[in-house]
Amino acid sequence: MAAILLKSPMMVRSAGRQSRLALCAWRDLGEHMATLALARLGVAHTVSTETLAIGGGKGFPRTDEDRAAWVAAHSEKVGAEHAERLLLRYGTSAAAIIDSFTAKDAPLKNFDGYSTDEVRFLAGHEQVVHLADVIYRRTSLAFIGGVTTPLLIELAELVGEVLGWSTAQRAEEVAHLTKDLVERHQVRLSKTTAAAS
């Protein structure tokens, strides 16, 4: 769980790292933060999101049998292992991602836990503007230590293809994100490919 820091009488922010991203963790954190903020304002928290299914949590298979059935129903295009990985990563929203895959889809060359069409889908459908959006907000790569220089270059090519970036823009996105990772987050970027997690 992230630490909660009280910065001033009216500002609450979170700090911390999670090894795995999950909507339920963000929902839990959001509810906890709202409760703290409301308490600071002297207002009771009257609504809970504890049982609210959001995003890919809607219709998520609850049993092993239901999960196996979901995977079987969505594995023709990508195979059972990949379908299950996408289900665990995106919940039932993975169905739309799988539907977008083409015959050209392949594991990333520099991180085999994600695929090329998956990144293209994120770039085109998840409000990606900068390469940092993919690393920090649309994948778990920053959280699991999967970021390397070759991966940033590969992702810039894929995202740039979808967003229409020039070669210069792609290089600028890699340079800007590299600087941010090193200076703000003290990440030591490897020049080699990272293993999947």
N, C-alpha and C. Protein backbone atom coordinates (compact mmCIF):
# COMPACT_ATOMS: atom_id res chain seq x y z
N MET A 1 0.85 -1.18 0.00
CA MET A 1 0.00 0.00 0.00
C MET A 1 0.89 1.24 0.00
N ALA A 2 0.49 2.22 -0.75
CA ALA A 2 1.26 3.46 -0.81
C ALA A 2 1.12 4.22 0.50
N ALA A 3 2.15 4.94 0.84
CA ALA A 3 2.10 5.78 2.03
C ALA A 3 1.27 7.02 1.72
N ILE A 4 0.57 7.51 2.70
CA ILE A 4 -0.23 8.71 2.51
C ILE A 4 0.50 9.86 3.22
N LEU A 5 0.79 10.90 2.50
CA LEU A 5 1.52 12.04 3.06
C LEU A 5 0.58 13.23 3.17
N LEU A 6 0.55 13.84 4.33
CA LEU A 6 -0.24 15.05 4.52
C LEU A 6 0.71 16.23 4.36
N LYS A 7 0.63 16.92 3.23
CA LYS A 7 1.57 17.98 2.89
C LYS A 7 1.20 19.31 3.53
N SER A 8 -0.06 19.60 3.64
CA SER A 8 -0.51 20.86 4.21
C SER A 8 -1.91 20.61 4.75
N PRO A 9 -2.51 21.58 5.41
CA PRO A 9 -3.84 21.34 5.96
C PRO A 9 -4.88 20.89 4.91
N MET A 10 -4.71 21.25 3.67
CA MET A 10 -5.71 20.90 2.66
C MET A 10 -5.17 20.06 1.51
N MET A 11 -3.96 19.53 1.60
CA MET A 11 -3.42 18.75 0.50
C MET A 11 -3.05 17.35 0.98
N VAL A 12 -3.58 16.36 0.26
CA VAL A 12 -3.27 14.96 0.54
C VAL A 12 -2.74 14.37 -0.75
N ARG A 13 -1.65 13.66 -0.69
CA ARG A 13 -1.14 13.01 -1.90
C ARG A 13 -0.59 11.65 -1.54
N SER A 14 -0.42 10.81 -2.53
CA SER A 14 0.11 9.48 -2.26
C SER A 14 1.55 9.41 -2.72
N ALA A 15 2.30 8.57 -2.06
CA ALA A 15 3.67 8.31 -2.46
C ALA A 15 3.92 6.84 -2.24
N GLY A 16 4.65 6.22 -3.12
CA GLY A 16 4.94 4.81 -2.93
C GLY A 16 5.00 4.09 -4.25
N ARG A 17 5.28 2.82 -4.17
CA ARG A 17 5.40 2.01 -5.38
C ARG A 17 4.63 0.73 -5.16
N GLN A 18 4.04 0.26 -6.22
CA GLN A 18 3.37 -1.03 -6.19
C GLN A 18 4.07 -1.92 -7.19
N SER A 19 4.21 -3.20 -6.85
CA SER A 19 4.89 -4.09 -7.76
C SER A 19 4.00 -4.49 -8.91
N ARG A 20 2.70 -4.43 -8.74
CA ARG A 20 1.77 -4.77 -9.80
C ARG A 20 0.64 -3.75 -9.83
N LEU A 21 0.28 -3.34 -11.03
CA LEU A 21 -0.85 -2.43 -11.17
C LEU A 21 -2.12 -3.25 -11.24
N ALA A 22 -3.13 -2.81 -10.58
CA ALA A 22 -4.44 -3.45 -10.66
C ALA A 22 -5.49 -2.39 -10.39
N LEU A 23 -6.57 -2.45 -11.13
CA LEU A 23 -7.62 -1.47 -10.94
C LEU A 23 -8.11 -1.47 -9.50
N CYS A 24 -8.20 -2.64 -8.89
CA CYS A 24 -8.70 -2.68 -7.52
C CYS A 24 -7.75 -1.94 -6.58
N ALA A 25 -6.47 -2.01 -6.82
CA ALA A 25 -5.52 -1.29 -5.97
C ALA A 25 -5.71 0.22 -6.13
N TRP A 26 -5.90 0.68 -7.36
CA TRP A 26 -6.11 2.11 -7.59
C TRP A 26 -7.45 2.54 -7.03
N ARG A 27 -8.47 1.68 -7.14
CA ARG A 27 -9.78 2.00 -6.58
C ARG A 27 -9.68 2.09 -5.07
N ASP A 28 -9.00 1.10 -4.46
CA ASP A 28 -8.80 1.12 -3.01
C ASP A 28 -8.06 2.38 -2.58
N LEU A 29 -7.00 2.71 -3.27
CA LEU A 29 -6.22 3.90 -2.93
C LEU A 29 -7.08 5.15 -3.08
N GLY A 30 -7.83 5.22 -4.18
CA GLY A 30 -8.70 6.38 -4.42
C GLY A 30 -9.73 6.54 -3.32
N GLU A 31 -10.34 5.42 -2.92
CA GLU A 31 -11.33 5.50 -1.85
C GLU A 31 -10.68 5.93 -0.54
N HIS A 32 -9.52 5.38 -0.24
CA HIS A 32 -8.80 5.73 0.98
C HIS A 32 -8.44 7.22 0.98
N MET A 33 -7.94 7.70 -0.14
CA MET A 33 -7.56 9.12 -0.26
C MET A 33 -8.79 10.01 -0.10
N ALA A 34 -9.91 9.60 -0.71
CA ALA A 34 -11.14 10.39 -0.59
C ALA A 34 -11.60 10.44 0.86
N THR A 35 -11.51 9.32 1.55
CA THR A 35 -11.89 9.28 2.96
C THR A 35 -11.02 10.22 3.78
N LEU A 36 -9.71 10.20 3.54
CA LEU A 36 -8.80 11.12 4.26
C LEU A 36 -9.13 12.58 3.96
N ALA A 37 -9.33 12.89 2.69
CA ALA A 37 -9.63 14.28 2.31
C ALA A 37 -10.95 14.74 2.92
N LEU A 38 -11.97 13.87 2.88
CA LEU A 38 -13.26 14.23 3.45
C LEU A 38 -13.15 14.43 4.96
N ALA A 39 -12.36 13.58 5.61
CA ALA A 39 -12.16 13.72 7.06
C ALA A 39 -11.50 15.06 7.37
N ARG A 40 -10.54 15.46 6.56
CA ARG A 40 -9.86 16.75 6.77
C ARG A 40 -10.85 17.91 6.62
N LEU A 41 -11.86 17.69 5.78
CA LEU A 41 -12.88 18.72 5.56
C LEU A 41 -14.03 18.62 6.55
N GLY A 42 -13.99 17.55 7.37
CA GLY A 42 -15.05 17.36 8.36
C GLY A 42 -16.34 16.81 7.76
N VAL A 43 -16.21 16.09 6.65
CA VAL A 43 -17.38 15.53 5.97
C VAL A 43 -17.28 14.01 6.01
N ALA A 44 -18.38 13.34 6.29
CA ALA A 44 -18.38 11.88 6.34
C ALA A 44 -18.36 11.28 4.95
N HIS A 45 -17.68 10.16 4.82
CA HIS A 45 -17.66 9.41 3.56
C HIS A 45 -18.93 8.57 3.52
N THR A 46 -19.81 8.85 2.56
CA THR A 46 -21.13 8.20 2.54
C THR A 46 -21.29 7.13 1.47
N VAL A 47 -20.37 7.07 0.52
CA VAL A 47 -20.50 6.10 -0.57
C VAL A 47 -19.22 5.29 -0.64
N SER A 48 -19.35 3.98 -0.80
CA SER A 48 -18.19 3.10 -0.93
C SER A 48 -18.13 2.54 -2.34
N THR A 49 -16.93 2.35 -2.84
CA THR A 49 -16.75 1.72 -4.14
C THR A 49 -16.23 0.29 -4.00
N GLU A 50 -16.24 -0.22 -2.77
CA GLU A 50 -15.65 -1.53 -2.50
C GLU A 50 -16.20 -2.65 -3.38
N THR A 51 -17.49 -2.63 -3.66
CA THR A 51 -18.08 -3.70 -4.47
C THR A 51 -18.40 -3.26 -5.90
N LEU A 52 -17.94 -2.08 -6.28
CA LEU A 52 -18.23 -1.54 -7.61
C LEU A 52 -17.24 -2.10 -8.63
N ALA A 53 -17.76 -2.78 -9.63
CA ALA A 53 -16.91 -3.28 -10.71
C ALA A 53 -16.73 -2.17 -11.72
N ILE A 54 -15.48 -1.80 -12.00
CA ILE A 54 -15.20 -0.73 -12.95
C ILE A 54 -14.32 -1.26 -14.07
N GLY A 55 -14.39 -0.61 -15.21
CA GLY A 55 -13.52 -0.97 -16.34
C GLY A 55 -13.55 -2.45 -16.63
N GLY A 56 -12.37 -3.05 -16.70
CA GLY A 56 -12.24 -4.46 -17.00
C GLY A 56 -12.70 -5.38 -15.90
N GLY A 57 -13.10 -4.80 -14.76
CA GLY A 57 -13.65 -5.61 -13.68
C GLY A 57 -15.09 -6.00 -13.92
N LYS A 58 -15.76 -5.28 -14.84
CA LYS A 58 -17.15 -5.61 -15.17
C LYS A 58 -17.17 -6.96 -15.90
N GLY A 59 -17.90 -7.89 -15.34
CA GLY A 59 -18.03 -9.21 -15.97
C GLY A 59 -16.80 -10.08 -15.84
N PHE A 60 -15.87 -9.70 -14.95
CA PHE A 60 -14.65 -10.49 -14.79
C PHE A 60 -15.01 -11.88 -14.27
N PRO A 61 -14.42 -12.93 -14.88
CA PRO A 61 -14.72 -14.30 -14.45
C PRO A 61 -14.37 -14.51 -12.98
N ARG A 62 -15.33 -15.04 -12.22
CA ARG A 62 -15.15 -15.20 -10.77
C ARG A 62 -14.61 -16.57 -10.37
N THR A 63 -14.77 -17.55 -11.21
CA THR A 63 -14.29 -18.90 -10.87
C THR A 63 -13.23 -19.33 -11.86
N ASP A 64 -12.49 -20.38 -11.50
CA ASP A 64 -11.49 -20.92 -12.43
C ASP A 64 -12.16 -21.40 -13.71
N GLU A 65 -13.34 -21.99 -13.59
CA GLU A 65 -14.06 -22.48 -14.77
C GLU A 65 -14.48 -21.33 -15.66
N ASP A 66 -14.98 -20.26 -15.06
CA ASP A 66 -15.38 -19.08 -15.85
C ASP A 66 -14.16 -18.44 -16.53
N ARG A 67 -13.04 -18.40 -15.82
CA ARG A 67 -11.83 -17.83 -16.40
C ARG A 67 -11.35 -18.68 -17.57
N ALA A 68 -11.37 -19.99 -17.40
CA ALA A 68 -10.96 -20.89 -18.50
C ALA A 68 -11.88 -20.72 -19.70
N ALA A 69 -13.17 -20.53 -19.45
CA ALA A 69 -14.11 -20.33 -20.56
C ALA A 69 -13.84 -19.01 -21.27
N TRP A 70 -13.55 -17.94 -20.50
CA TRP A 70 -13.25 -16.64 -21.11
C TRP A 70 -12.00 -16.75 -21.96
N VAL A 71 -10.97 -17.38 -21.42
CA VAL A 71 -9.71 -17.54 -22.15
C VAL A 71 -9.95 -18.34 -23.43
N ALA A 72 -10.68 -19.43 -23.34
CA ALA A 72 -10.96 -20.25 -24.52
C ALA A 72 -11.71 -19.45 -25.59
N ALA A 73 -12.66 -18.63 -25.14
CA ALA A 73 -13.45 -17.83 -26.09
C ALA A 73 -12.64 -16.74 -26.76
N HIS A 74 -11.51 -16.36 -26.19
CA HIS A 74 -10.71 -15.26 -26.73
C HIS A 74 -9.31 -15.67 -27.17
N SER A 75 -9.06 -16.95 -27.25
CA SER A 75 -7.69 -17.40 -27.53
C SER A 75 -7.42 -17.74 -28.98
N GLU A 76 -8.44 -17.76 -29.82
CA GLU A 76 -8.22 -18.16 -31.21
C GLU A 76 -7.19 -17.28 -31.91
N LYS A 77 -7.26 -15.99 -31.68
CA LYS A 77 -6.37 -15.04 -32.34
C LYS A 77 -4.98 -14.98 -31.71
N VAL A 78 -4.90 -15.15 -30.37
CA VAL A 78 -3.65 -14.88 -29.68
C VAL A 78 -3.09 -16.06 -28.89
N GLY A 79 -3.83 -17.13 -28.80
CA GLY A 79 -3.40 -18.27 -27.99
C GLY A 79 -3.85 -18.12 -26.55
N ALA A 80 -3.99 -19.23 -25.86
CA ALA A 80 -4.54 -19.24 -24.50
C ALA A 80 -3.65 -18.48 -23.51
N GLU A 81 -2.33 -18.68 -23.59
CA GLU A 81 -1.43 -18.03 -22.63
C GLU A 81 -1.50 -16.51 -22.75
N HIS A 82 -1.49 -16.02 -23.99
CA HIS A 82 -1.55 -14.57 -24.21
C HIS A 82 -2.91 -14.01 -23.81
N ALA A 83 -3.98 -14.74 -24.14
CA ALA A 83 -5.33 -14.30 -23.77
C ALA A 83 -5.46 -14.19 -22.26
N GLU A 84 -4.91 -15.17 -21.54
CA GLU A 84 -4.99 -15.13 -20.08
C GLU A 84 -4.17 -13.97 -19.52
N ARG A 85 -2.99 -13.75 -20.08
CA ARG A 85 -2.15 -12.63 -19.61
C ARG A 85 -2.88 -11.30 -19.83
N LEU A 86 -3.54 -11.15 -20.98
CA LEU A 86 -4.28 -9.92 -21.25
C LEU A 86 -5.49 -9.78 -20.33
N LEU A 87 -6.18 -10.88 -20.04
CA LEU A 87 -7.31 -10.85 -19.11
C LEU A 87 -6.84 -10.39 -17.73
N LEU A 88 -5.73 -10.93 -17.26
CA LEU A 88 -5.22 -10.55 -15.95
C LEU A 88 -4.73 -9.09 -15.93
N ARG A 89 -4.24 -8.62 -17.07
CA ARG A 89 -3.72 -7.25 -17.15
C ARG A 89 -4.83 -6.21 -17.30
N TYR A 90 -5.82 -6.50 -18.15
CA TYR A 90 -6.83 -5.50 -18.50
C TYR A 90 -8.25 -5.88 -18.08
N GLY A 91 -8.41 -7.05 -17.48
CA GLY A 91 -9.76 -7.51 -17.18
C GLY A 91 -10.50 -7.81 -18.47
N THR A 92 -11.81 -7.71 -18.43
CA THR A 92 -12.61 -8.05 -19.61
C THR A 92 -12.44 -7.04 -20.75
N SER A 93 -11.81 -5.90 -20.47
CA SER A 93 -11.49 -4.95 -21.54
C SER A 93 -10.50 -5.56 -22.53
N ALA A 94 -9.85 -6.64 -22.13
CA ALA A 94 -8.90 -7.32 -23.02
C ALA A 94 -9.57 -7.81 -24.29
N ALA A 95 -10.87 -8.06 -24.25
CA ALA A 95 -11.57 -8.54 -25.46
C ALA A 95 -11.42 -7.55 -26.61
N ALA A 96 -11.57 -6.26 -26.34
CA ALA A 96 -11.42 -5.24 -27.39
C ALA A 96 -9.99 -5.17 -27.89
N ILE A 97 -9.05 -5.35 -26.99
CA ILE A 97 -7.64 -5.32 -27.38
C ILE A 97 -7.34 -6.51 -28.29
N ILE A 98 -7.78 -7.68 -27.88
CA ILE A 98 -7.57 -8.89 -28.70
C ILE A 98 -8.22 -8.73 -30.06
N ASP A 99 -9.43 -8.18 -30.11
CA ASP A 99 -10.12 -7.97 -31.39
C ASP A 99 -9.33 -7.08 -32.33
N SER A 100 -8.51 -6.19 -31.78
CA SER A 100 -7.74 -5.26 -32.62
C SER A 100 -6.47 -5.88 -33.20
N PHE A 101 -6.07 -7.03 -32.70
CA PHE A 101 -4.82 -7.65 -33.12
C PHE A 101 -4.86 -8.07 -34.58
N THR A 102 -3.72 -7.94 -35.22
CA THR A 102 -3.57 -8.34 -36.62
C THR A 102 -2.65 -9.55 -36.70
N ALA A 103 -2.50 -10.07 -37.89
CA ALA A 103 -1.58 -11.20 -38.11
C ALA A 103 -0.13 -10.79 -37.88
N LYS A 104 0.15 -9.48 -37.89
CA LYS A 104 1.51 -8.98 -37.69
C LYS A 104 1.90 -8.88 -36.22
N ASP A 105 0.96 -9.11 -35.30
CA ASP A 105 1.27 -8.98 -33.88
C ASP A 105 2.40 -9.92 -33.49
N ALA A 106 3.30 -9.41 -32.67
CA ALA A 106 4.45 -10.20 -32.20
C ALA A 106 4.89 -9.67 -30.85
N PRO A 107 5.57 -10.51 -30.07
CA PRO A 107 6.11 -9.99 -28.80
C PRO A 107 7.07 -8.84 -29.10
N LEU A 108 7.13 -7.88 -28.18
CA LEU A 108 8.12 -6.83 -28.34
C LEU A 108 9.50 -7.46 -28.38
N LYS A 109 10.38 -6.92 -29.18
CA LYS A 109 11.74 -7.45 -29.28
C LYS A 109 12.53 -7.23 -27.99
N ASN A 110 12.18 -6.18 -27.27
CA ASN A 110 12.97 -5.79 -26.10
C ASN A 110 12.26 -6.00 -24.77
N PHE A 111 11.10 -6.65 -24.81
CA PHE A 111 10.37 -7.04 -23.60
C PHE A 111 9.23 -7.94 -24.04
N ASP A 112 9.35 -9.23 -23.82
CA ASP A 112 8.35 -10.14 -24.37
C ASP A 112 7.07 -10.26 -23.55
N GLY A 113 6.89 -9.45 -22.52
CA GLY A 113 5.65 -9.46 -21.75
C GLY A 113 4.54 -8.65 -22.40
N TYR A 114 4.86 -7.87 -23.40
CA TYR A 114 3.89 -7.07 -24.15
C TYR A 114 4.06 -7.37 -25.64
N SER A 115 3.03 -7.04 -26.43
CA SER A 115 3.13 -7.30 -27.87
C SER A 115 2.97 -6.00 -28.66
N THR A 116 3.35 -6.07 -29.91
CA THR A 116 3.33 -4.88 -30.77
C THR A 116 1.93 -4.34 -30.96
N ASP A 117 0.94 -5.20 -31.23
CA ASP A 117 -0.42 -4.71 -31.43
C ASP A 117 -1.05 -4.22 -30.13
N GLU A 118 -0.62 -4.79 -29.01
CA GLU A 118 -1.10 -4.31 -27.71
C GLU A 118 -0.66 -2.86 -27.52
N VAL A 119 0.60 -2.57 -27.81
CA VAL A 119 1.12 -1.20 -27.68
C VAL A 119 0.41 -0.28 -28.67
N ARG A 120 0.21 -0.76 -29.88
CA ARG A 120 -0.51 0.06 -30.88
C ARG A 120 -1.92 0.39 -30.39
N PHE A 121 -2.61 -0.60 -29.80
CA PHE A 121 -3.95 -0.37 -29.28
C PHE A 121 -3.91 0.70 -28.18
N LEU A 122 -2.99 0.57 -27.25
CA LEU A 122 -2.88 1.54 -26.16
C LEU A 122 -2.64 2.94 -26.72
N ALA A 123 -1.75 3.04 -27.70
CA ALA A 123 -1.44 4.35 -28.29
C ALA A 123 -2.66 4.96 -28.96
N GLY A 124 -3.47 4.14 -29.59
CA GLY A 124 -4.61 4.65 -30.34
C GLY A 124 -5.89 4.82 -29.55
N HIS A 125 -5.99 4.16 -28.39
CA HIS A 125 -7.26 4.15 -27.67
C HIS A 125 -7.18 4.62 -26.21
N GLU A 126 -6.01 4.89 -25.71
CA GLU A 126 -5.87 5.20 -24.29
C GLU A 126 -5.28 6.59 -24.02
N GLN A 127 -5.61 7.54 -24.87
CA GLN A 127 -5.22 8.94 -24.69
C GLN A 127 -3.72 9.13 -24.50
N VAL A 128 -2.96 8.40 -25.27
CA VAL A 128 -1.50 8.56 -25.25
C VAL A 128 -1.13 9.79 -26.06
N VAL A 129 -0.32 10.65 -25.47
CA VAL A 129 0.19 11.84 -26.16
C VAL A 129 1.70 11.76 -26.25
N HIS A 130 2.33 11.27 -25.18
CA HIS A 130 3.78 11.17 -25.11
C HIS A 130 4.19 9.74 -24.78
N LEU A 131 5.43 9.42 -25.05
CA LEU A 131 5.97 8.11 -24.72
C LEU A 131 5.85 7.85 -23.21
N ALA A 132 6.00 8.89 -22.42
CA ALA A 132 5.86 8.77 -20.97
C ALA A 132 4.49 8.22 -20.57
N ASP A 133 3.45 8.54 -21.34
CA ASP A 133 2.12 8.02 -21.04
C ASP A 133 2.11 6.50 -21.09
N VAL A 134 2.81 5.92 -22.04
CA VAL A 134 2.86 4.46 -22.17
C VAL A 134 3.63 3.85 -20.99
N ILE A 135 4.75 4.43 -20.66
CA ILE A 135 5.61 3.89 -19.61
C ILE A 135 5.01 4.08 -18.22
N TYR A 136 4.51 5.26 -17.93
CA TYR A 136 4.03 5.57 -16.58
C TYR A 136 2.57 5.21 -16.34
N ARG A 137 1.72 5.35 -17.37
CA ARG A 137 0.30 5.26 -17.12
C ARG A 137 -0.45 4.15 -17.86
N ARG A 138 0.09 3.61 -18.90
CA ARG A 138 -0.65 2.63 -19.69
C ARG A 138 -0.08 1.21 -19.62
N THR A 139 1.09 1.07 -19.04
CA THR A 139 1.68 -0.26 -18.84
C THR A 139 2.27 -0.31 -17.43
N SER A 140 2.66 -1.49 -17.02
CA SER A 140 3.31 -1.64 -15.71
C SER A 140 4.83 -1.64 -15.83
N LEU A 141 5.37 -1.29 -17.00
CA LEU A 141 6.81 -1.38 -17.23
C LEU A 141 7.64 -0.57 -16.23
N ALA A 142 7.20 0.62 -15.87
CA ALA A 142 7.96 1.43 -14.91
C ALA A 142 7.94 0.81 -13.51
N PHE A 143 6.89 0.06 -13.22
CA PHE A 143 6.74 -0.52 -11.89
C PHE A 143 7.50 -1.83 -11.73
N ILE A 144 7.71 -2.52 -12.83
CA ILE A 144 8.34 -3.84 -12.73
C ILE A 144 9.79 -3.83 -13.17
N GLY A 145 10.33 -2.65 -13.43
CA GLY A 145 11.74 -2.56 -13.81
C GLY A 145 12.02 -3.04 -15.22
N GLY A 146 11.07 -2.88 -16.11
CA GLY A 146 11.23 -3.38 -17.46
C GLY A 146 11.74 -2.38 -18.47
N VAL A 147 12.06 -1.17 -18.04
CA VAL A 147 12.44 -0.12 -18.99
C VAL A 147 13.93 -0.18 -19.30
N THR A 148 14.21 -0.27 -20.58
CA THR A 148 15.59 -0.22 -21.08
C THR A 148 15.63 0.75 -22.24
N THR A 149 16.82 1.20 -22.60
CA THR A 149 16.95 2.10 -23.75
C THR A 149 16.43 1.46 -25.04
N PRO A 150 16.79 0.20 -25.35
CA PRO A 150 16.24 -0.40 -26.56
C PRO A 150 14.70 -0.49 -26.54
N LEU A 151 14.11 -0.72 -25.37
CA LEU A 151 12.66 -0.78 -25.27
C LEU A 151 12.05 0.59 -25.56
N LEU A 152 12.62 1.65 -25.01
CA LEU A 152 12.09 2.99 -25.28
C LEU A 152 12.11 3.30 -26.76
N ILE A 153 13.17 2.93 -27.43
CA ILE A 153 13.28 3.17 -28.87
C ILE A 153 12.22 2.37 -29.62
N GLU A 154 12.05 1.10 -29.24
CA GLU A 154 11.04 0.26 -29.89
C GLU A 154 9.63 0.81 -29.66
N LEU A 155 9.33 1.20 -28.43
CA LEU A 155 8.01 1.75 -28.13
C LEU A 155 7.77 3.06 -28.86
N ALA A 156 8.79 3.90 -28.96
CA ALA A 156 8.65 5.16 -29.70
C ALA A 156 8.32 4.90 -31.16
N GLU A 157 8.89 3.85 -31.72
CA GLU A 157 8.57 3.50 -33.12
C GLU A 157 7.10 3.09 -33.25
N LEU A 158 6.63 2.23 -32.34
CA LEU A 158 5.25 1.75 -32.41
C LEU A 158 4.25 2.86 -32.13
N VAL A 159 4.48 3.62 -31.08
CA VAL A 159 3.58 4.71 -30.72
C VAL A 159 3.63 5.80 -31.79
N GLY A 160 4.83 6.10 -32.25
CA GLY A 160 4.99 7.10 -33.30
C GLY A 160 4.28 6.73 -34.59
N GLU A 161 4.26 5.45 -34.89
CA GLU A 161 3.54 4.95 -36.07
C GLU A 161 2.05 5.27 -35.95
N VAL A 162 1.48 5.06 -34.78
CA VAL A 162 0.05 5.31 -34.56
C VAL A 162 -0.25 6.80 -34.49
N LEU A 163 0.60 7.56 -33.81
CA LEU A 163 0.33 8.98 -33.60
C LEU A 163 0.91 9.89 -34.68
N GLY A 164 1.61 9.31 -35.65
CA GLY A 164 2.14 10.10 -36.75
C GLY A 164 3.36 10.92 -36.41
N TRP A 165 4.16 10.44 -35.47
CA TRP A 165 5.38 11.17 -35.10
C TRP A 165 6.45 11.04 -36.19
N SER A 166 7.18 12.10 -36.40
CA SER A 166 8.33 12.06 -37.31
C SER A 166 9.48 11.33 -36.62
N THR A 167 10.51 11.03 -37.36
CA THR A 167 11.70 10.40 -36.78
C THR A 167 12.28 11.29 -35.69
N ALA A 168 12.30 12.58 -35.93
CA ALA A 168 12.82 13.52 -34.93
C ALA A 168 11.96 13.54 -33.67
N GLN A 169 10.64 13.49 -33.83
CA GLN A 169 9.74 13.47 -32.66
C GLN A 169 9.96 12.19 -31.85
N ARG A 170 10.16 11.08 -32.52
CA ARG A 170 10.39 9.81 -31.82
C ARG A 170 11.67 9.89 -30.99
N ALA A 171 12.71 10.43 -31.58
CA ALA A 171 13.98 10.58 -30.86
C ALA A 171 13.83 11.54 -29.69
N GLU A 172 13.07 12.62 -29.89
CA GLU A 172 12.84 13.60 -28.83
C GLU A 172 12.06 12.98 -27.67
N GLU A 173 11.07 12.16 -27.97
CA GLU A 173 10.28 11.49 -26.92
C GLU A 173 11.18 10.55 -26.10
N VAL A 174 12.06 9.81 -26.78
CA VAL A 174 12.97 8.90 -26.08
C VAL A 174 13.92 9.71 -25.20
N ALA A 175 14.48 10.80 -25.72
CA ALA A 175 15.42 11.62 -24.97
C ALA A 175 14.75 12.26 -23.75
N HIS A 176 13.55 12.79 -23.95
CA HIS A 176 12.84 13.44 -22.85
C HIS A 176 12.50 12.44 -21.75
N LEU A 177 11.99 11.26 -22.13
CA LEU A 177 11.62 10.25 -21.14
C LEU A 177 12.85 9.70 -20.43
N THR A 178 13.92 9.49 -21.18
CA THR A 178 15.16 9.01 -20.56
C THR A 178 15.63 9.99 -19.49
N LYS A 179 15.63 11.26 -19.82
CA LYS A 179 16.04 12.29 -18.86
C LYS A 179 15.14 12.26 -17.63
N ASP A 180 13.84 12.14 -17.83
CA ASP A 180 12.90 12.11 -16.72
C ASP A 180 13.11 10.88 -15.84
N LEU A 181 13.29 9.73 -16.46
CA LEU A 181 13.51 8.49 -15.69
C LEU A 181 14.78 8.59 -14.84
N VAL A 182 15.83 9.11 -15.43
CA VAL A 182 17.12 9.19 -14.72
C VAL A 182 17.09 10.28 -13.65
N GLU A 183 16.64 11.47 -14.00
CA GLU A 183 16.72 12.61 -13.08
C GLU A 183 15.63 12.61 -12.01
N ARG A 184 14.41 12.31 -12.38
CA ARG A 184 13.30 12.38 -11.42
C ARG A 184 13.08 11.09 -10.65
N HIS A 185 13.39 9.97 -11.29
CA HIS A 185 13.07 8.67 -10.68
C HIS A 185 14.29 7.82 -10.37
N GLN A 186 15.47 8.34 -10.64
CA GLN A 186 16.74 7.64 -10.36
C GLN A 186 16.78 6.23 -10.97
N VAL A 187 16.25 6.10 -12.16
CA VAL A 187 16.27 4.82 -12.87
C VAL A 187 17.57 4.71 -13.63
N ARG A 188 18.22 3.59 -13.50
CA ARG A 188 19.42 3.31 -14.30
C ARG A 188 18.99 2.48 -15.49
N LEU A 189 18.97 3.12 -16.65
CA LEU A 189 18.51 2.42 -17.85
C LEU A 189 19.57 1.47 -18.37
N SER A 190 19.14 0.25 -18.57
CA SER A 190 20.03 -0.75 -19.16
C SER A 190 20.05 -0.57 -20.67
N LYS A 191 21.15 -0.93 -21.26
CA LYS A 191 21.25 -0.87 -22.73
C LYS A 191 20.86 -2.20 -23.35
N THR A 192 20.44 -3.17 -22.50
CA THR A 192 20.05 -4.49 -23.01
C THR A 192 18.58 -4.73 -22.75
N THR A 193 18.05 -5.78 -23.35
CA THR A 193 16.66 -6.14 -23.25
C THR A 193 16.32 -6.67 -21.87
N ALA A 194 15.14 -6.29 -21.37
CA ALA A 194 14.67 -6.77 -20.07
C ALA A 194 13.86 -8.04 -20.24
N ALA A 195 13.89 -8.90 -19.24
CA ALA A 195 13.07 -10.11 -19.25
C ALA A 195 11.65 -9.76 -18.85
N ALA A 196 10.70 -10.53 -19.32
CA ALA A 196 9.31 -10.31 -18.96
C ALA A 196 9.07 -10.70 -17.53
N SER A 197 8.06 -10.08 -16.94
CA SER A 197 7.69 -10.41 -15.57
C SER A 197 6.30 -10.97 -15.52
